[in-house]
Amino acid sequence: MSTLTVRYIGGPTAVLELGGLRLLTDPTFDGPGAHPVGARTLTKTAGPGLPLAEIGPVDAVLLSHDHHPDNLDASGRELVTGGAVRTVLSTGSAADRLGGAVRALPNWEHTVLARPDGGSLRVTGVPALHGPQGSEPLVGEVTGFVLSGGGLPTVYVSGDNASLDIVREVADRVGPVDVALLFAGAARTPLIPDAPLTLTSAQAAEAAAILGARRVVPLHFEHWTHFTEDGDSLAKAFDAAGLGDRLHRLAPGGLVRF
């Protein structure tokens, strides 16, 4: 089976190399600082583990959503709208707002990316819920992705999903996944003060079990002040669930091969 390489950049951002293709999740490359979101402000506490200039060519961007700066900041927005990447897959709302190379990938539909070896990588859009049930009008449209193909590991990229019911739906449709990139951090903002907007650490461990994931790389758990649970919390939750050997927590700029 082909190797998957994951390089963690920071926040929700990682570079995946799979089947000879390079994919980038939710690009955030700005330095630390305040980012207004309507009447609210999100604060970034650290820059990327690697600057955008050192990332190199990208075949496709997997953009869970465009309307929150902790998932698409100014540098990331310039990347996806500036013509440097030919394929950006996201929500219908993001495609309407950003235009250009950004394409909607509706839930359970797929697109195929040609691999250099003559094979193909199938990218399937899957549901995500960025908060509790009923919060969609407040938090907006979000998506996740499943990557698959002949001789390739199956990879789930959750996006900003807070629903274990959705994880169960993905598991039921896709079956066990080889690697899960889970957006965690238990993000909280005044927009919905009584519920996390992404998976808690305990929910991330439960999601890994539901998916039957052999390996888990957490994203979206540090570098922003509205993330309320960190990497240590993830490690404790996975250990408590008996899944500690599946968790691969990377330092910014760090890389792991599966």
Protein backbone atom coordinates (compact mmCIF):
# COMPACT_ATOMS: atom_id res chain seq x y z
CA MET A 1 0.00 0.00 0.00
CA SER A 2 1.20 3.49 -0.87
CA THR A 3 2.66 5.60 1.92
CA LEU A 4 0.81 8.55 3.41
CA THR A 5 2.93 11.43 4.71
CA VAL A 6 1.44 14.06 7.00
CA ARG A 7 3.35 17.24 7.82
CA TYR A 8 1.70 19.33 10.50
CA ILE A 9 1.92 23.09 9.92
CA GLY A 10 -0.20 24.34 12.82
CA GLY A 11 -3.85 24.84 13.75
CA PRO A 12 -5.96 23.02 11.13
CA THR A 13 -3.23 23.06 8.49
CA ALA A 14 -1.32 20.02 7.26
CA VAL A 15 0.36 18.90 4.04
CA LEU A 16 -0.61 15.39 2.94
CA GLU A 17 1.39 13.44 0.37
CA LEU A 18 -0.59 10.51 -0.97
CA GLY A 19 -0.33 8.63 -4.26
CA GLY A 20 2.18 11.16 -5.56
CA LEU A 21 -0.16 14.10 -4.89
CA ARG A 22 0.28 16.92 -2.39
CA LEU A 23 -2.85 18.11 -0.60
CA LEU A 24 -3.18 20.98 1.86
CA THR A 25 -5.86 21.20 4.55
CA ASP A 26 -7.38 24.50 5.70
CA PRO A 27 -4.49 26.87 4.90
CA THR A 28 -3.53 29.22 7.76
CA PHE A 29 -0.09 30.82 7.43
CA ASP A 30 -0.48 34.24 9.10
CA GLY A 31 1.59 35.18 12.11
CA PRO A 32 0.16 35.71 15.60
CA GLY A 33 -2.45 38.39 16.08
CA ALA A 34 -6.12 39.31 16.29
CA HIS A 35 -8.59 38.33 13.58
CA PRO A 36 -12.03 40.01 13.61
CA VAL A 37 -15.09 37.86 12.87
CA GLY A 38 -18.05 40.21 12.80
CA ALA A 39 -18.37 41.65 16.31
CA ARG A 40 -16.04 38.98 17.73
CA THR A 41 -12.27 38.55 17.58
CA LEU A 42 -10.28 35.33 17.32
CA THR A 43 -6.68 35.51 18.50
CA LYS A 44 -3.85 33.50 17.02
CA THR A 45 -0.95 32.83 19.39
CA ALA A 46 1.73 31.30 17.13
CA GLY A 47 2.77 31.35 13.50
CA PRO A 48 3.03 28.32 11.22
CA GLY A 49 5.59 25.57 11.73
CA LEU A 50 6.69 26.19 8.15
CA PRO A 51 6.10 29.38 6.14
CA LEU A 52 3.99 29.17 3.03
CA ALA A 53 7.04 29.85 0.85
CA GLU A 54 8.57 26.55 2.02
CA ILE A 55 5.51 24.40 1.37
CA GLY A 56 6.15 23.96 -2.34
CA PRO A 57 3.65 23.10 -5.09
CA VAL A 58 0.20 21.91 -3.98
CA ASP A 59 -2.07 19.81 -6.19
CA ALA A 60 -5.28 20.48 -4.25
CA VAL A 61 -6.56 22.27 -1.17
CA LEU A 62 -9.15 20.61 1.08
CA LEU A 63 -10.96 23.59 2.60
CA SER A 64 -13.51 22.73 5.27
CA HIS A 65 -14.92 26.28 5.23
CA ASP A 66 -13.84 29.79 4.35
CA HIS A 67 -15.69 32.06 6.76
CA HIS A 68 -13.60 31.63 9.95
CA PRO A 69 -10.00 32.90 10.02
CA ASP A 70 -8.74 29.97 12.11
CA ASN A 71 -9.49 27.81 9.04
CA LEU A 72 -8.70 30.27 6.26
CA ASP A 73 -6.68 33.35 7.15
CA ALA A 74 -5.42 36.16 4.92
CA SER A 75 -2.42 34.20 3.63
CA GLY A 76 -4.54 31.13 3.01
CA ARG A 77 -7.18 33.19 1.21
CA GLU A 78 -4.52 34.63 -1.09
CA LEU A 79 -3.31 31.10 -1.84
CA VAL A 80 -6.72 29.67 -2.78
CA THR A 81 -7.84 32.71 -4.79
CA GLY A 82 -4.52 33.71 -6.37
CA GLY A 83 -4.27 30.99 -8.99
CA ALA A 84 -1.36 29.07 -7.44
CA VAL A 85 -3.56 26.01 -6.80
CA ARG A 86 -5.74 24.65 -9.60
CA THR A 87 -8.11 22.63 -7.41
CA VAL A 88 -9.72 23.85 -4.19
CA LEU A 89 -12.52 21.65 -2.84
CA SER A 90 -14.93 23.09 -0.29
CA THR A 91 -18.57 23.90 0.43
CA GLY A 92 -21.06 25.46 -1.96
CA SER A 93 -21.04 28.60 0.18
CA ALA A 94 -17.26 28.89 -0.06
CA ALA A 95 -17.35 28.41 -3.83
CA ASP A 96 -19.92 31.20 -4.13
CA ARG A 97 -17.93 33.57 -1.95
CA LEU A 98 -14.40 32.82 -3.22
CA GLY A 99 -14.94 31.84 -6.86
CA GLY A 100 -11.93 31.05 -9.02
CA ALA A 101 -10.51 27.57 -8.47
CA VAL A 102 -12.83 26.85 -5.52
CA ARG A 103 -15.28 24.06 -6.33
CA ALA A 104 -18.18 22.78 -4.27
CA LEU A 105 -17.97 19.11 -3.30
CA PRO A 106 -21.42 18.21 -1.90
CA ASN A 107 -21.85 15.56 0.77
CA TRP A 108 -21.33 12.02 -0.54
CA GLU A 109 -20.35 13.21 -4.00
CA HIS A 110 -16.79 12.72 -5.17
CA THR A 111 -14.19 14.02 -7.58
CA VAL A 112 -11.18 12.21 -8.97
CA LEU A 113 -7.64 13.58 -9.04
CA ALA A 114 -5.18 12.02 -11.49
CA ARG A 115 -2.08 10.54 -9.87
CA PRO A 116 1.38 10.72 -11.47
CA ASP A 117 1.54 6.90 -11.53
CA GLY A 118 -1.53 6.73 -13.75
CA GLY A 119 -3.95 5.86 -10.96
CA SER A 120 -6.44 8.17 -9.32
CA LEU A 121 -7.26 9.61 -5.91
CA ARG A 122 -10.95 9.77 -5.05
CA VAL A 123 -11.98 12.70 -2.84
CA THR A 124 -15.45 12.39 -1.32
CA GLY A 125 -17.24 15.21 0.46
CA VAL A 126 -18.70 14.16 3.82
CA PRO A 127 -20.91 16.00 6.33
CA ALA A 128 -19.62 18.11 9.20
CA LEU A 129 -21.49 20.06 11.89
CA HIS A 130 -19.59 22.99 13.39
CA GLY A 131 -21.39 22.97 16.75
CA PRO A 132 -24.48 21.43 18.36
CA GLN A 133 -27.52 20.32 16.39
CA GLY A 134 -29.44 23.33 15.12
CA SER A 135 -26.45 25.67 15.10
CA GLU A 136 -26.00 25.67 11.33
CA PRO A 137 -27.60 29.12 10.77
CA LEU A 138 -25.09 30.60 13.24
CA VAL A 139 -21.91 28.69 12.38
CA GLY A 140 -22.38 28.28 8.63
CA GLU A 141 -21.70 25.45 6.20
CA VAL A 142 -18.73 23.13 6.81
CA THR A 143 -17.51 19.97 5.10
CA GLY A 144 -15.15 17.06 5.66
CA PHE A 145 -13.41 14.72 3.22
CA VAL A 146 -12.56 11.07 2.68
CA LEU A 147 -9.58 10.17 0.48
CA SER A 148 -9.34 6.74 -1.15
CA GLY A 149 -8.01 4.90 -4.18
CA GLY A 150 -6.45 1.69 -5.42
CA GLY A 151 -3.45 0.76 -3.28
CA LEU A 152 -3.95 3.84 -1.06
CA PRO A 153 -4.89 4.06 2.61
CA THR A 154 -8.35 5.45 3.33
CA VAL A 155 -8.04 8.84 5.02
CA TYR A 156 -10.76 10.82 6.83
CA VAL A 157 -10.34 14.59 7.24
CA SER A 158 -13.03 15.70 9.67
CA GLY A 159 -13.03 19.46 9.20
CA ASP A 160 -14.61 21.45 12.03
CA ASN A 161 -17.08 18.77 13.05
CA ALA A 162 -18.51 18.47 16.59
CA SER A 163 -20.98 15.64 15.96
CA LEU A 164 -20.27 12.00 16.78
CA ASP A 165 -23.51 11.09 14.99
CA ILE A 166 -21.90 12.39 11.80
CA VAL A 167 -18.75 10.37 12.55
CA ARG A 168 -20.96 7.27 12.85
CA GLU A 169 -22.56 8.08 9.50
CA VAL A 170 -19.14 8.37 7.88
CA ALA A 171 -18.04 5.09 9.47
CA ASP A 172 -21.21 3.34 8.30
CA ARG A 173 -20.75 4.50 4.72
CA VAL A 174 -16.99 4.27 4.38
CA GLY A 175 -16.10 1.46 6.77
CA PRO A 176 -12.90 1.43 8.84
CA VAL A 177 -10.40 4.13 7.91
CA ASP A 178 -6.65 3.75 7.98
CA VAL A 179 -5.86 7.30 9.10
CA ALA A 180 -8.12 9.94 10.64
CA LEU A 181 -7.17 13.61 10.74
CA LEU A 182 -9.46 14.84 13.51
CA PHE A 183 -10.04 18.55 14.14
CA ALA A 184 -10.26 18.76 17.92
CA GLY A 185 -9.53 21.51 20.47
CA ALA A 186 -13.09 21.87 21.85
CA ALA A 187 -13.32 25.32 20.27
CA ARG A 188 -15.63 27.71 22.14
CA THR A 189 -16.75 31.24 21.33
CA PRO A 190 -19.52 33.56 22.58
CA LEU A 191 -21.41 32.75 19.38
CA ILE A 192 -22.55 29.49 21.05
CA PRO A 193 -21.37 29.79 24.65
CA ASP A 194 -22.80 26.51 25.96
CA ALA A 195 -21.29 23.98 23.54
CA PRO A 196 -17.99 23.26 21.81
CA LEU A 197 -17.77 23.96 18.09
CA THR A 198 -15.30 21.12 17.43
CA LEU A 199 -14.60 17.74 19.00
CA THR A 200 -13.52 17.62 22.61
CA SER A 201 -10.52 15.41 23.40
CA ALA A 202 -12.78 12.65 24.75
CA GLN A 203 -14.98 12.88 21.65
CA ALA A 204 -11.92 12.67 19.41
CA ALA A 205 -10.93 9.42 21.10
CA GLU A 206 -14.47 8.11 20.71
CA ALA A 207 -14.47 9.18 17.05
CA ALA A 208 -11.27 7.20 16.49
CA ALA A 209 -12.92 4.12 17.96
CA ILE A 210 -16.09 4.59 15.89
CA LEU A 211 -14.04 4.93 12.71
CA GLY A 212 -11.81 1.96 13.55
CA ALA A 213 -8.92 4.29 12.70
CA ARG A 214 -5.53 2.61 12.92
CA ARG A 215 -3.76 5.97 13.17
CA VAL A 216 -4.96 9.43 14.24
CA VAL A 217 -3.28 12.77 13.61
CA PRO A 218 -4.97 15.59 15.56
CA LEU A 219 -5.33 19.04 14.02
CA HIS A 220 -6.99 22.28 15.20
CA PHE A 221 -6.02 21.92 18.90
CA GLU A 222 -3.47 24.69 19.44
CA HIS A 223 -2.34 28.18 18.38
CA TRP A 224 -5.70 29.93 18.88
CA THR A 225 -7.09 31.14 22.21
CA HIS A 226 -10.61 29.80 21.56
CA PHE A 227 -9.28 26.22 21.50
CA THR A 228 -9.98 25.07 25.06
CA GLU A 229 -8.37 21.60 25.09
CA ASP A 230 -4.77 21.03 24.03
CA GLY A 231 -2.48 18.21 22.96
CA ASP A 232 -1.94 17.01 26.52
CA SER A 233 -5.69 16.70 26.93
CA LEU A 234 -5.84 14.65 23.73
CA ALA A 235 -3.09 12.33 24.91
CA LYS A 236 -4.86 11.74 28.24
CA ALA A 237 -8.19 11.05 26.54
CA PHE A 238 -6.69 8.58 24.08
CA ASP A 239 -4.78 6.83 26.87
CA ALA A 240 -7.96 6.59 28.94
CA ALA A 241 -9.75 5.00 25.97
CA GLY A 242 -6.94 2.50 25.44
CA LEU A 243 -6.06 4.14 22.12
CA GLY A 244 -2.86 5.92 23.06
CA ASP A 245 -0.79 3.94 20.55
CA ARG A 246 -2.97 5.23 17.69
CA LEU A 247 -2.45 8.95 18.42
CA HIS A 248 0.34 10.74 16.54
CA ARG A 249 0.63 14.24 17.95
CA LEU A 250 3.14 16.24 15.91
CA ALA A 251 5.13 19.34 16.72
CA PRO A 252 4.61 22.22 14.26
CA GLY A 253 6.63 21.40 11.17
CA GLY A 254 6.81 17.74 12.21
CA LEU A 255 6.19 14.85 9.85
CA VAL A 256 4.93 11.30 10.12
CA ARG A 257 4.73 8.51 7.50
CA PHE A 258 2.21 5.67 7.55
